[in-house]
Amino acid sequence: MLGMSSSLINKYNVAGPRYTSYPTVPYWNQETFSLNSWKSSLIQSFNESNANEGISLYIHLPFCESMCTFCGCTKRITKQHSVESIYINAVLKEWSLYMELFNARPIIKELHLGGGTPTFFSPENLNRLITGILRRAKLADHYEFSFEGHPNNTTKEHLQALYDVGFKRVSYGVQDYNIKVQKAIHRIQPFEHVKRATELAREVGYTSVGHDIIYGLPFQTIDHVKETILKTKALLPDRLAFYSYAHVPWQKGNGQRGFKDEDLPSAQLKREQYELGKKLLAEVGYIEVGMDHFALASDTLYQSMAEGNLHRNFMGYTASKTQAMIGLGISAIGDSWYGFAQNEKQLEAYYHLLEENVLPVYRGHILNEEDLVIRKHILNLMCRFKTSWSDKSLYFNNLPKVLNKLTEMEHDGLVNINSNTIEVTKKGQPFVRNVCMAFDLLLQRNQPNTQLFSMTV
């Protein structure tokens, strides 16, 4: 075993959120949410933050030519590329509806294209999308544009077209290089394809190339993870997401039914896979950043962590913070800091609302005072592995109960609790989701009858 007892894994391996937000989506309060309340919260946030830090944009491009059975994202499987122009027109229409809310041109600090498969779209259409967005906005001094590329279909033309409109960072979904694992998750992509896509990005001028690797996949062994990490080391991407497969086959619309539960590694084996991967990555200079992320010291993600500026939102860990984030496209989630709003997940419903000149939001949450305080603590823990209530504004009435729930974790050496601070130990960092769950008052008040989240280990 590489650094963690099986007793701790058995004790703390429970279903829990990944905390890209608080409150988590299953605990959003629909009764206090409306489209008007979302608009008001976003206008407030925009007025407070646009001039001094700008805003972020997440654009969801949902189309894929085939279904990957490890994926829990919202997607539409098709080989008909005629869908591209219609979808881009809709996203630009949605952006124009948001523009009507603001009294100044948005200053874009961060923009990310996710999916689905963004490189399903032609280089020309991607260029048209971004050009259309930027036509009505300004750029922050130090902006960062990034996109998710599929190694099998990302061409030099894709990379160049996006580079020409400001993209300098790309992440490629690698998952695992073993052919048996790839067949199980329906994602066949040889190492040569990843190598080609990585080298092309650097040739074009991208300053940060990332790889996404998953452990805990069906049929995956320790040797498979070792092989994948060793091949990854040969390419030396600037940053890595090395994260646990989130098995949530009950969620509507995902494809996680291409294998049996017994085909998945045990919690113990998953942890061994992670500890080995972490060890091999450290040997060539990768530094762990937050939870499940690694970066070279030259990458902005590490630099942000070192400076205490690391941020986490629905895009995962980001090197910079903006208070307001707008989500465009089906299923995309916006964040005003004071509220969340998620778009329609069905393409037809999304198109229909836009035709009616209505923002295509179908659910959300407006944060109350308690939510805002808890959100800050969970964000601190996820980004800095510590939090404090020395500032009286961060004290809340249920804090003593939270500290009581953390007592056993303190006995197990996972956290240190002082008079007004909590710090997650090195030993406890793999269990940071469990620490955050002690702060999650909504989860504690309404324990689910069925499993909502993936396992924490």
Protein backbone atom coordinates (compact mmCIF):
# COMPACT_ATOMS: atom_id res chain seq x y z
CA MET A 1 0.00 0.00 0.00
CA LEU A 2 1.32 3.44 -0.91
CA GLY A 3 0.69 5.75 2.01
CA MET A 4 -2.89 5.20 3.13
CA SER A 5 -4.44 2.56 5.37
CA SER A 6 -7.33 0.50 4.11
CA SER A 7 -9.19 1.24 7.36
CA LEU A 8 -9.30 4.97 6.51
CA ILE A 9 -10.48 4.21 2.98
CA ASN A 10 -13.24 1.94 4.26
CA LYS A 11 -14.25 4.49 6.87
CA TYR A 12 -14.41 7.57 4.67
CA ASN A 13 -15.28 6.18 1.24
CA VAL A 14 -18.85 7.48 1.10
CA ALA A 15 -20.93 9.19 -1.55
CA GLY A 16 -20.19 12.91 -1.57
CA PRO A 17 -20.06 16.02 -3.78
CA ARG A 18 -16.99 17.26 -5.64
CA TYR A 19 -17.89 20.81 -4.53
CA THR A 20 -17.58 22.76 -7.74
CA SER A 21 -20.31 24.79 -6.04
CA TYR A 22 -22.07 25.27 -2.75
CA PRO A 23 -24.93 24.62 -2.45
CA THR A 24 -24.53 21.56 -4.66
CA VAL A 25 -27.02 21.18 -7.50
CA PRO A 26 -29.32 18.58 -5.81
CA TYR A 27 -29.88 21.06 -2.96
CA TRP A 28 -30.76 24.11 -4.99
CA ASN A 29 -33.95 25.74 -3.73
CA GLN A 30 -36.33 26.02 -6.66
CA GLU A 31 -39.03 27.71 -4.58
CA THR A 32 -36.98 30.86 -4.06
CA PHE A 33 -35.52 30.89 -7.58
CA SER A 34 -36.87 32.65 -10.66
CA LEU A 35 -35.43 33.89 -13.91
CA ASN A 36 -35.85 37.47 -12.67
CA SER A 37 -34.00 36.72 -9.42
CA TRP A 38 -31.14 35.21 -11.45
CA LYS A 39 -30.99 38.27 -13.69
CA SER A 40 -30.97 40.60 -10.67
CA SER A 41 -28.16 38.68 -8.97
CA LEU A 42 -26.10 38.69 -12.16
CA ILE A 43 -26.62 42.42 -12.72
CA GLN A 44 -25.53 43.08 -9.12
CA SER A 45 -22.41 40.94 -9.56
CA PHE A 46 -21.58 42.46 -12.95
CA ASN A 47 -21.83 45.98 -11.57
CA GLU A 48 -19.59 45.08 -8.63
CA SER A 49 -16.90 43.18 -10.50
CA ASN A 50 -16.77 43.78 -14.26
CA ALA A 51 -14.53 46.85 -14.09
CA ASN A 52 -12.01 45.44 -11.60
CA GLU A 53 -11.78 41.75 -12.50
CA GLY A 54 -13.94 41.05 -15.55
CA ILE A 55 -16.19 38.04 -16.07
CA SER A 56 -15.80 34.41 -17.12
CA LEU A 57 -17.63 32.57 -19.90
CA TYR A 58 -18.25 28.86 -20.15
CA ILE A 59 -19.64 27.70 -23.50
CA HIS A 60 -21.00 24.16 -23.74
CA LEU A 61 -20.64 22.52 -27.16
CA PRO A 62 -22.56 19.27 -26.73
CA PHE A 63 -22.09 17.29 -29.93
CA CYS A 64 -20.08 14.06 -30.15
CA GLU A 65 -19.82 11.56 -32.98
CA SER A 66 -19.81 8.60 -30.55
CA MET A 67 -20.69 7.87 -26.91
CA CYS A 68 -17.89 7.47 -24.36
CA THR A 69 -19.18 5.24 -21.57
CA PHE A 70 -17.18 6.95 -18.81
CA CYS A 71 -18.78 10.33 -19.50
CA GLY A 72 -21.44 11.95 -17.30
CA CYS A 73 -21.66 15.20 -19.29
CA THR A 74 -24.61 16.48 -21.30
CA LYS A 75 -24.12 15.59 -24.96
CA ARG A 76 -25.92 14.86 -28.20
CA ILE A 77 -24.56 12.01 -30.32
CA THR A 78 -24.65 12.70 -34.07
CA LYS A 79 -22.53 12.53 -37.19
CA GLN A 80 -24.56 15.28 -38.87
CA HIS A 81 -22.37 18.37 -38.87
CA SER A 82 -25.18 20.49 -40.24
CA VAL A 83 -26.12 21.02 -36.55
CA GLU A 84 -23.09 23.28 -36.02
CA SER A 85 -24.34 26.52 -37.54
CA ILE A 86 -27.78 26.30 -35.93
CA TYR A 87 -26.23 25.77 -32.51
CA ILE A 88 -23.71 28.60 -32.86
CA ASN A 89 -26.49 30.97 -33.92
CA ALA A 90 -28.42 29.99 -30.79
CA VAL A 91 -25.44 30.54 -28.48
CA LEU A 92 -24.81 33.97 -29.98
CA LYS A 93 -28.50 34.80 -29.52
CA GLU A 94 -28.24 33.79 -25.86
CA TRP A 95 -25.16 36.01 -25.47
CA SER A 96 -27.07 38.94 -26.98
CA LEU A 97 -29.88 38.45 -24.43
CA TYR A 98 -27.32 38.70 -21.63
CA MET A 99 -25.85 41.83 -23.22
CA GLU A 100 -29.22 43.53 -22.78
CA LEU A 101 -28.83 43.23 -18.98
CA PHE A 102 -25.56 45.11 -18.68
CA ASN A 103 -24.83 48.83 -18.63
CA ALA A 104 -21.25 48.40 -19.92
CA ARG A 105 -19.33 46.15 -22.28
CA PRO A 106 -18.28 42.94 -20.51
CA ILE A 107 -14.56 42.52 -19.90
CA ILE A 108 -13.79 38.86 -20.49
CA LYS A 109 -11.05 37.46 -18.28
CA GLU A 110 -11.64 33.77 -18.82
CA LEU A 111 -13.36 31.77 -21.54
CA HIS A 112 -13.60 27.99 -21.77
CA LEU A 113 -15.11 25.73 -24.42
CA GLY A 114 -16.32 22.43 -22.97
CA GLY A 115 -18.46 19.57 -24.12
CA GLY A 116 -19.33 17.24 -25.59
CA THR A 117 -16.55 17.56 -28.13
CA PRO A 118 -15.72 21.18 -29.01
CA THR A 119 -13.53 19.96 -31.88
CA PHE A 120 -16.63 18.32 -33.40
CA PHE A 121 -17.15 21.84 -34.78
CA SER A 122 -15.19 22.99 -37.80
CA PRO A 123 -12.36 25.49 -37.32
CA GLU A 124 -14.39 28.04 -39.29
CA ASN A 125 -17.43 27.66 -37.05
CA LEU A 126 -15.37 27.86 -33.86
CA ASN A 127 -13.79 31.05 -35.18
CA ARG A 128 -17.24 32.45 -35.99
CA LEU A 129 -18.49 31.62 -32.49
CA ILE A 130 -15.61 33.33 -30.66
CA THR A 131 -15.53 36.30 -33.02
CA GLY A 132 -19.25 36.79 -32.42
CA ILE A 133 -18.74 36.71 -28.64
CA LEU A 134 -15.81 39.13 -28.69
CA ARG A 135 -17.52 41.59 -31.01
CA ARG A 136 -19.60 42.80 -28.05
CA ALA A 137 -16.95 42.57 -25.33
CA LYS A 138 -13.52 43.74 -24.25
CA LEU A 139 -10.59 41.60 -23.14
CA ALA A 140 -8.97 41.80 -19.71
CA ASP A 141 -5.26 42.57 -19.61
CA HIS A 142 -4.35 38.99 -18.66
CA TYR A 143 -7.12 36.91 -20.16
CA GLU A 144 -7.05 33.14 -20.56
CA PHE A 145 -8.96 31.22 -23.23
CA SER A 146 -8.97 27.42 -23.15
CA PHE A 147 -10.75 24.52 -24.78
CA GLU A 148 -11.16 20.77 -24.46
CA GLY A 149 -9.72 18.96 -27.45
CA HIS A 150 -10.28 15.37 -28.55
CA PRO A 151 -6.89 13.89 -29.54
CA ASN A 152 -8.47 11.92 -32.39
CA ASN A 153 -9.98 14.87 -34.22
CA THR A 154 -8.15 18.02 -33.12
CA THR A 155 -6.35 19.25 -36.22
CA LYS A 156 -3.72 21.91 -36.71
CA GLU A 157 -6.48 23.96 -38.35
CA HIS A 158 -8.58 23.76 -35.15
CA LEU A 159 -5.63 24.82 -33.04
CA GLN A 160 -4.66 27.66 -35.35
CA ALA A 161 -8.20 29.02 -35.71
CA LEU A 162 -8.65 29.21 -31.94
CA TYR A 163 -5.13 30.50 -31.35
CA ASP A 164 -5.87 33.33 -33.78
CA VAL A 165 -8.77 34.51 -31.58
CA GLY A 166 -6.86 34.34 -28.29
CA PHE A 167 -6.65 30.71 -27.13
CA LYS A 168 -3.37 29.69 -25.51
CA ARG A 169 -4.44 26.67 -23.45
CA VAL A 170 -5.85 23.30 -24.50
CA SER A 171 -6.62 20.15 -22.51
CA TYR A 172 -6.84 16.71 -24.08
CA GLY A 173 -8.91 13.86 -22.68
CA VAL A 174 -6.52 10.90 -22.43
CA GLN A 175 -8.20 8.78 -19.72
CA ASP A 176 -6.02 5.62 -20.12
CA TYR A 177 -3.79 4.14 -22.82
CA ASN A 178 -4.64 0.47 -22.28
CA ILE A 179 -6.69 -0.93 -25.15
CA LYS A 180 -8.92 -3.12 -22.92
CA VAL A 181 -9.84 -0.11 -20.79
CA GLN A 182 -10.34 2.04 -23.90
CA LYS A 183 -12.72 -0.52 -25.39
CA ALA A 184 -14.72 -0.65 -22.16
CA ILE A 185 -15.17 3.13 -22.11
CA HIS A 186 -15.63 3.31 -25.90
CA ARG A 187 -12.74 5.74 -26.34
CA ILE A 188 -10.09 4.27 -28.64
CA GLN A 189 -7.19 6.70 -29.06
CA PRO A 190 -3.58 5.52 -29.48
CA PHE A 191 -0.71 7.29 -27.76
CA GLU A 192 0.43 8.49 -31.20
CA HIS A 193 -2.75 10.56 -31.55
CA VAL A 194 -2.20 12.26 -28.18
CA LYS A 195 1.46 12.86 -29.03
CA ARG A 196 0.53 14.42 -32.37
CA ALA A 197 -2.15 16.68 -30.83
CA THR A 198 0.18 17.77 -28.02
CA GLU A 199 3.06 18.58 -30.35
CA LEU A 200 0.78 20.41 -32.79
CA ALA A 201 -0.49 22.67 -29.99
CA ARG A 202 3.04 23.58 -28.99
CA GLU A 203 4.04 24.12 -32.61
CA VAL A 204 1.15 26.57 -33.08
CA GLY A 205 2.15 28.48 -29.92
CA TYR A 206 -0.05 27.23 -27.07
CA THR A 207 1.64 28.00 -23.74
CA SER A 208 -0.24 25.42 -21.65
CA VAL A 209 -1.17 21.91 -22.78
CA GLY A 210 -3.06 19.74 -20.33
CA HIS A 211 -3.96 16.05 -20.21
CA ASP A 212 -6.91 14.53 -18.37
CA ILE A 213 -6.24 11.08 -16.90
CA ILE A 214 -8.77 9.00 -14.99
CA TYR A 215 -8.16 6.24 -12.45
CA GLY A 216 -10.77 3.78 -11.27
CA LEU A 217 -11.97 2.92 -14.79
CA PRO A 218 -13.40 -0.51 -15.65
CA PHE A 219 -10.76 -3.27 -15.92
CA GLN A 220 -8.04 -0.76 -15.02
CA THR A 221 -5.09 -2.18 -13.08
CA ILE A 222 -2.07 -0.69 -11.31
CA ASP A 223 0.06 -1.57 -14.33
CA HIS A 224 -2.35 0.25 -16.67
CA VAL A 225 -2.07 3.43 -14.61
CA LYS A 226 1.71 3.09 -14.50
CA GLU A 227 1.86 2.67 -18.29
CA THR A 228 -0.35 5.74 -18.82
CA ILE A 229 1.68 7.91 -16.45
CA LEU A 230 4.99 6.83 -17.98
CA LYS A 231 3.74 7.70 -21.47
CA THR A 232 2.41 11.00 -20.14
CA LYS A 233 5.82 11.82 -18.65
CA ALA A 234 7.32 11.42 -22.12
CA LEU A 235 5.13 14.28 -23.41
CA LEU A 236 5.40 16.38 -20.22
CA PRO A 237 2.10 18.33 -20.45
CA ASP A 238 2.10 21.57 -18.48
CA ARG A 239 -0.75 20.48 -16.24
CA LEU A 240 -2.70 17.32 -15.49
CA ALA A 241 -6.09 16.45 -14.15
CA PHE A 242 -5.64 13.03 -12.54
CA TYR A 243 -8.99 12.25 -11.05
CA SER A 244 -11.23 9.47 -9.89
CA TYR A 245 -13.83 8.08 -12.26
CA ALA A 246 -17.22 9.28 -11.00
CA HIS A 247 -19.59 6.35 -11.41
CA VAL A 248 -23.10 7.83 -11.57
CA PRO A 249 -25.04 5.57 -13.98
CA TRP A 250 -28.37 6.62 -12.45
CA GLN A 251 -28.06 10.13 -13.88
CA LYS A 252 -30.26 10.57 -16.91
CA GLY A 253 -28.53 10.91 -20.26
CA ASN A 254 -25.05 9.59 -19.48
CA GLY A 255 -23.62 6.45 -21.05
CA GLN A 256 -22.23 4.72 -17.97
CA ARG A 257 -23.88 1.39 -18.74
CA GLY A 258 -21.32 -0.18 -21.04
CA PHE A 259 -19.86 -2.32 -18.26
CA LYS A 260 -20.82 -3.90 -14.95
CA ASP A 261 -20.21 -2.50 -11.48
CA GLU A 262 -18.00 -5.50 -10.67
CA ASP A 263 -15.72 -4.50 -13.58
CA LEU A 264 -14.67 -1.40 -11.61
CA PRO A 265 -11.62 -1.39 -9.29
CA SER A 266 -12.26 -1.51 -5.55
CA ALA A 267 -11.87 1.63 -3.45
CA GLN A 268 -8.58 0.23 -2.12
CA LEU A 269 -7.22 -0.40 -5.62
CA LYS A 270 -8.37 3.04 -6.80
CA ARG A 271 -6.40 4.65 -3.99
CA GLU A 272 -3.33 2.59 -4.84
CA GLN A 273 -3.66 3.74 -8.45
CA TYR A 274 -3.79 7.35 -7.33
CA GLU A 275 -0.86 7.10 -4.90
CA LEU A 276 1.32 5.43 -7.54
CA GLY A 277 0.39 8.02 -10.16
CA LYS A 278 1.10 10.85 -7.74
CA LYS A 279 4.51 9.37 -6.89
CA LEU A 280 5.50 8.96 -10.55
CA LEU A 281 4.36 12.49 -11.39
CA ALA A 282 6.30 14.00 -8.49
CA GLU A 283 9.48 12.35 -9.78
CA VAL A 284 9.45 14.58 -12.87
CA GLY A 285 8.42 17.81 -11.18
CA TYR A 286 4.61 17.79 -11.07
CA ILE A 287 3.18 19.50 -8.01
CA GLU A 288 -0.26 18.67 -6.63
CA VAL A 289 -2.62 21.63 -6.95
CA GLY A 290 -5.86 21.50 -5.02
CA MET A 291 -7.66 18.16 -5.39
CA ASP A 292 -6.70 15.78 -8.22
CA HIS A 293 -4.79 18.39 -10.24
CA PHE A 294 -1.06 18.62 -10.94
CA ALA A 295 1.06 21.22 -12.69
CA LEU A 296 4.65 22.05 -13.49
CA ALA A 297 6.08 25.03 -11.61
CA SER A 298 6.06 27.01 -14.87
CA ASP A 299 2.29 26.69 -15.33
CA THR A 300 -0.14 29.40 -14.22
CA LEU A 301 -2.22 26.90 -12.21
CA TYR A 302 0.69 26.17 -9.88
CA GLN A 303 1.67 29.83 -9.72
CA SER A 304 -1.88 30.73 -8.75
CA MET A 305 -1.84 28.18 -5.94
CA ALA A 306 1.55 29.44 -4.70
CA GLU A 307 0.19 33.00 -4.60
CA GLY A 308 -3.03 31.95 -2.84
CA ASN A 309 -5.24 32.88 -5.80
CA LEU A 310 -6.46 29.44 -6.86
CA HIS A 311 -10.19 29.38 -7.55
CA ARG A 312 -12.76 26.64 -8.10
CA ASN A 313 -16.06 26.80 -9.94
CA PHE A 314 -18.10 24.74 -12.40
CA MET A 315 -15.11 24.70 -14.75
CA GLY A 316 -13.00 23.04 -12.03
CA TYR A 317 -9.82 24.70 -10.75
CA THR A 318 -8.93 27.97 -12.42
CA ALA A 319 -5.84 30.16 -12.16
CA SER A 320 -7.84 33.33 -11.64
CA LYS A 321 -11.12 34.35 -10.06
CA THR A 322 -14.06 36.26 -11.40
CA GLN A 323 -17.14 36.89 -9.33
CA ALA A 324 -19.47 36.52 -12.33
CA MET A 325 -19.48 33.57 -14.71
CA ILE A 326 -21.99 33.20 -17.53
CA GLY A 327 -22.80 29.77 -18.93
CA LEU A 328 -23.89 29.58 -22.57
CA GLY A 329 -25.30 26.54 -24.38
CA ILE A 330 -27.38 23.60 -23.22
CA SER A 331 -26.87 22.48 -19.60
CA ALA A 332 -24.32 25.27 -18.97
CA ILE A 333 -24.32 26.73 -15.45
CA GLY A 334 -23.84 30.41 -14.66
CA ASP A 335 -22.61 31.74 -11.33
CA SER A 336 -23.15 35.30 -10.10
CA TRP A 337 -21.67 34.44 -6.67
CA TYR A 338 -25.09 35.31 -5.26
CA GLY A 339 -26.89 32.75 -7.41
CA PHE A 340 -26.61 29.86 -9.85
CA ALA A 341 -28.61 29.19 -13.01
CA GLN A 342 -28.54 26.14 -15.26
CA ASN A 343 -29.73 26.09 -18.85
CA GLU A 344 -32.15 23.63 -20.37
CA LYS A 345 -30.52 20.26 -21.02
CA GLN A 346 -32.70 19.37 -24.00
CA LEU A 347 -31.62 20.96 -27.25
CA GLU A 348 -35.17 21.50 -28.50
CA ALA A 349 -36.28 23.29 -25.31
CA TYR A 350 -33.12 25.44 -25.42
CA TYR A 351 -33.84 26.50 -29.00
CA HIS A 352 -37.53 27.15 -28.29
CA LEU A 353 -36.89 29.58 -25.41
CA LEU A 354 -34.32 31.51 -27.43
CA GLU A 355 -36.79 31.82 -30.30
CA GLU A 356 -39.12 33.43 -27.74
CA ASN A 357 -36.31 35.83 -26.68
CA VAL A 358 -36.14 34.20 -23.24
CA LEU A 359 -32.94 33.16 -21.50
CA PRO A 360 -33.04 29.33 -21.57
CA VAL A 361 -32.70 28.81 -17.80
CA TYR A 362 -34.66 25.95 -16.26
CA ARG A 363 -33.42 25.79 -12.66
CA GLY A 364 -31.18 27.59 -10.20
CA HIS A 365 -30.58 28.78 -6.67
CA ILE A 366 -30.29 32.16 -4.95
CA LEU A 367 -27.87 31.98 -2.03
CA ASN A 368 -28.96 33.19 1.41
CA GLU A 369 -26.57 34.59 4.02
CA GLU A 370 -25.78 31.17 5.48
CA ASP A 371 -25.11 29.74 2.02
CA LEU A 372 -22.64 32.54 1.24
CA VAL A 373 -20.63 31.96 4.42
CA ILE A 374 -20.52 28.18 3.97
CA ARG A 375 -19.56 28.66 0.33
CA LYS A 376 -16.49 30.67 1.35
CA HIS A 377 -15.35 27.99 3.81
CA ILE A 378 -15.75 25.17 1.30
CA LEU A 379 -13.96 27.19 -1.37
CA ASN A 380 -11.08 27.82 1.06
CA LEU A 381 -10.82 24.14 1.90
CA MET A 382 -10.93 23.01 -1.74
CA CYS A 383 -8.39 25.59 -2.92
CA ARG A 384 -6.12 26.08 0.09
CA PHE A 385 -6.83 23.10 2.39
CA LYS A 386 -7.60 25.46 5.26
CA THR A 387 -10.19 27.95 6.40
CA SER A 388 -10.67 30.39 9.24
CA TRP A 389 -13.38 32.31 11.06
CA SER A 390 -11.05 34.85 12.67
CA ASP A 391 -12.99 37.35 10.58
CA LYS A 392 -16.33 37.51 12.42
CA SER A 393 -18.22 37.64 9.12
CA LEU A 394 -17.17 34.01 8.53
CA TYR A 395 -18.59 32.75 11.82
CA PHE A 396 -22.00 31.05 11.61
CA ASN A 397 -24.32 29.64 14.24
CA ASN A 398 -23.83 25.99 13.36
CA LEU A 399 -20.02 26.17 13.42
CA PRO A 400 -19.76 24.33 16.79
CA LYS A 401 -21.73 21.41 15.30
CA VAL A 402 -19.41 21.39 12.28
CA LEU A 403 -16.35 21.26 14.54
CA ASN A 404 -17.94 18.43 16.49
CA LYS A 405 -18.43 16.45 13.27
CA LEU A 406 -14.73 16.97 12.47
CA THR A 407 -13.51 15.64 15.83
CA GLU A 408 -13.11 12.08 14.58
CA MET A 409 -11.21 13.28 11.52
CA GLU A 410 -8.91 15.16 13.88
CA HIS A 411 -8.35 11.95 15.87
CA ASP A 412 -7.50 10.19 12.59
CA GLY A 413 -4.92 12.87 11.75
CA LEU A 414 -6.84 14.28 8.78
CA VAL A 415 -7.37 17.82 10.10
CA ASN A 416 -5.89 20.17 12.69
CA ILE A 417 -8.45 22.29 14.54
CA ASN A 418 -7.34 25.44 16.38
CA SER A 419 -9.26 28.22 18.10
CA ASN A 420 -10.37 29.83 14.85
CA THR A 421 -8.88 27.78 12.00
CA ILE A 422 -9.09 24.35 10.41
CA GLU A 423 -6.27 22.98 8.29
CA VAL A 424 -6.36 19.77 6.30
CA THR A 425 -3.18 17.75 6.85
CA LYS A 426 -1.18 16.06 4.10
CA LYS A 427 -2.67 12.79 5.29
CA GLY A 428 -6.12 14.32 5.08
CA GLN A 429 -5.89 15.94 1.65
CA PRO A 430 -7.25 12.86 -0.19
CA PHE A 431 -10.32 13.21 2.06
CA VAL A 432 -10.92 16.94 1.54
CA ARG A 433 -14.38 16.21 0.11
CA ASN A 434 -15.26 14.51 3.40
CA VAL A 435 -14.03 17.56 5.33
CA CYS A 436 -16.21 19.82 3.21
CA MET A 437 -19.19 17.56 3.87
CA ALA A 438 -18.95 18.47 7.56
CA PHE A 439 -19.67 22.08 6.51
CA ASP A 440 -22.47 21.09 4.12
CA LEU A 441 -25.48 21.97 6.26
CA LEU A 442 -27.99 21.37 3.47
CA LEU A 443 -26.72 17.82 2.97
CA GLN A 444 -26.92 17.14 6.70
CA ARG A 445 -30.44 18.52 7.03
CA ASN A 446 -31.78 16.47 4.15
CA GLN A 447 -29.90 13.22 3.75
CA PRO A 448 -30.82 11.65 0.39
CA ASN A 449 -32.75 8.39 0.25
CA THR A 450 -30.92 7.39 -2.93
CA GLN A 451 -27.32 7.94 -4.02
CA LEU A 452 -26.82 11.37 -5.59
CA PHE A 453 -23.03 11.64 -5.75
CA SER A 454 -19.99 9.56 -6.70
CA MET A 455 -17.83 7.99 -3.97
CA THR A 456 -15.23 10.23 -2.33
CA VAL A 457 -12.32 7.79 -2.66
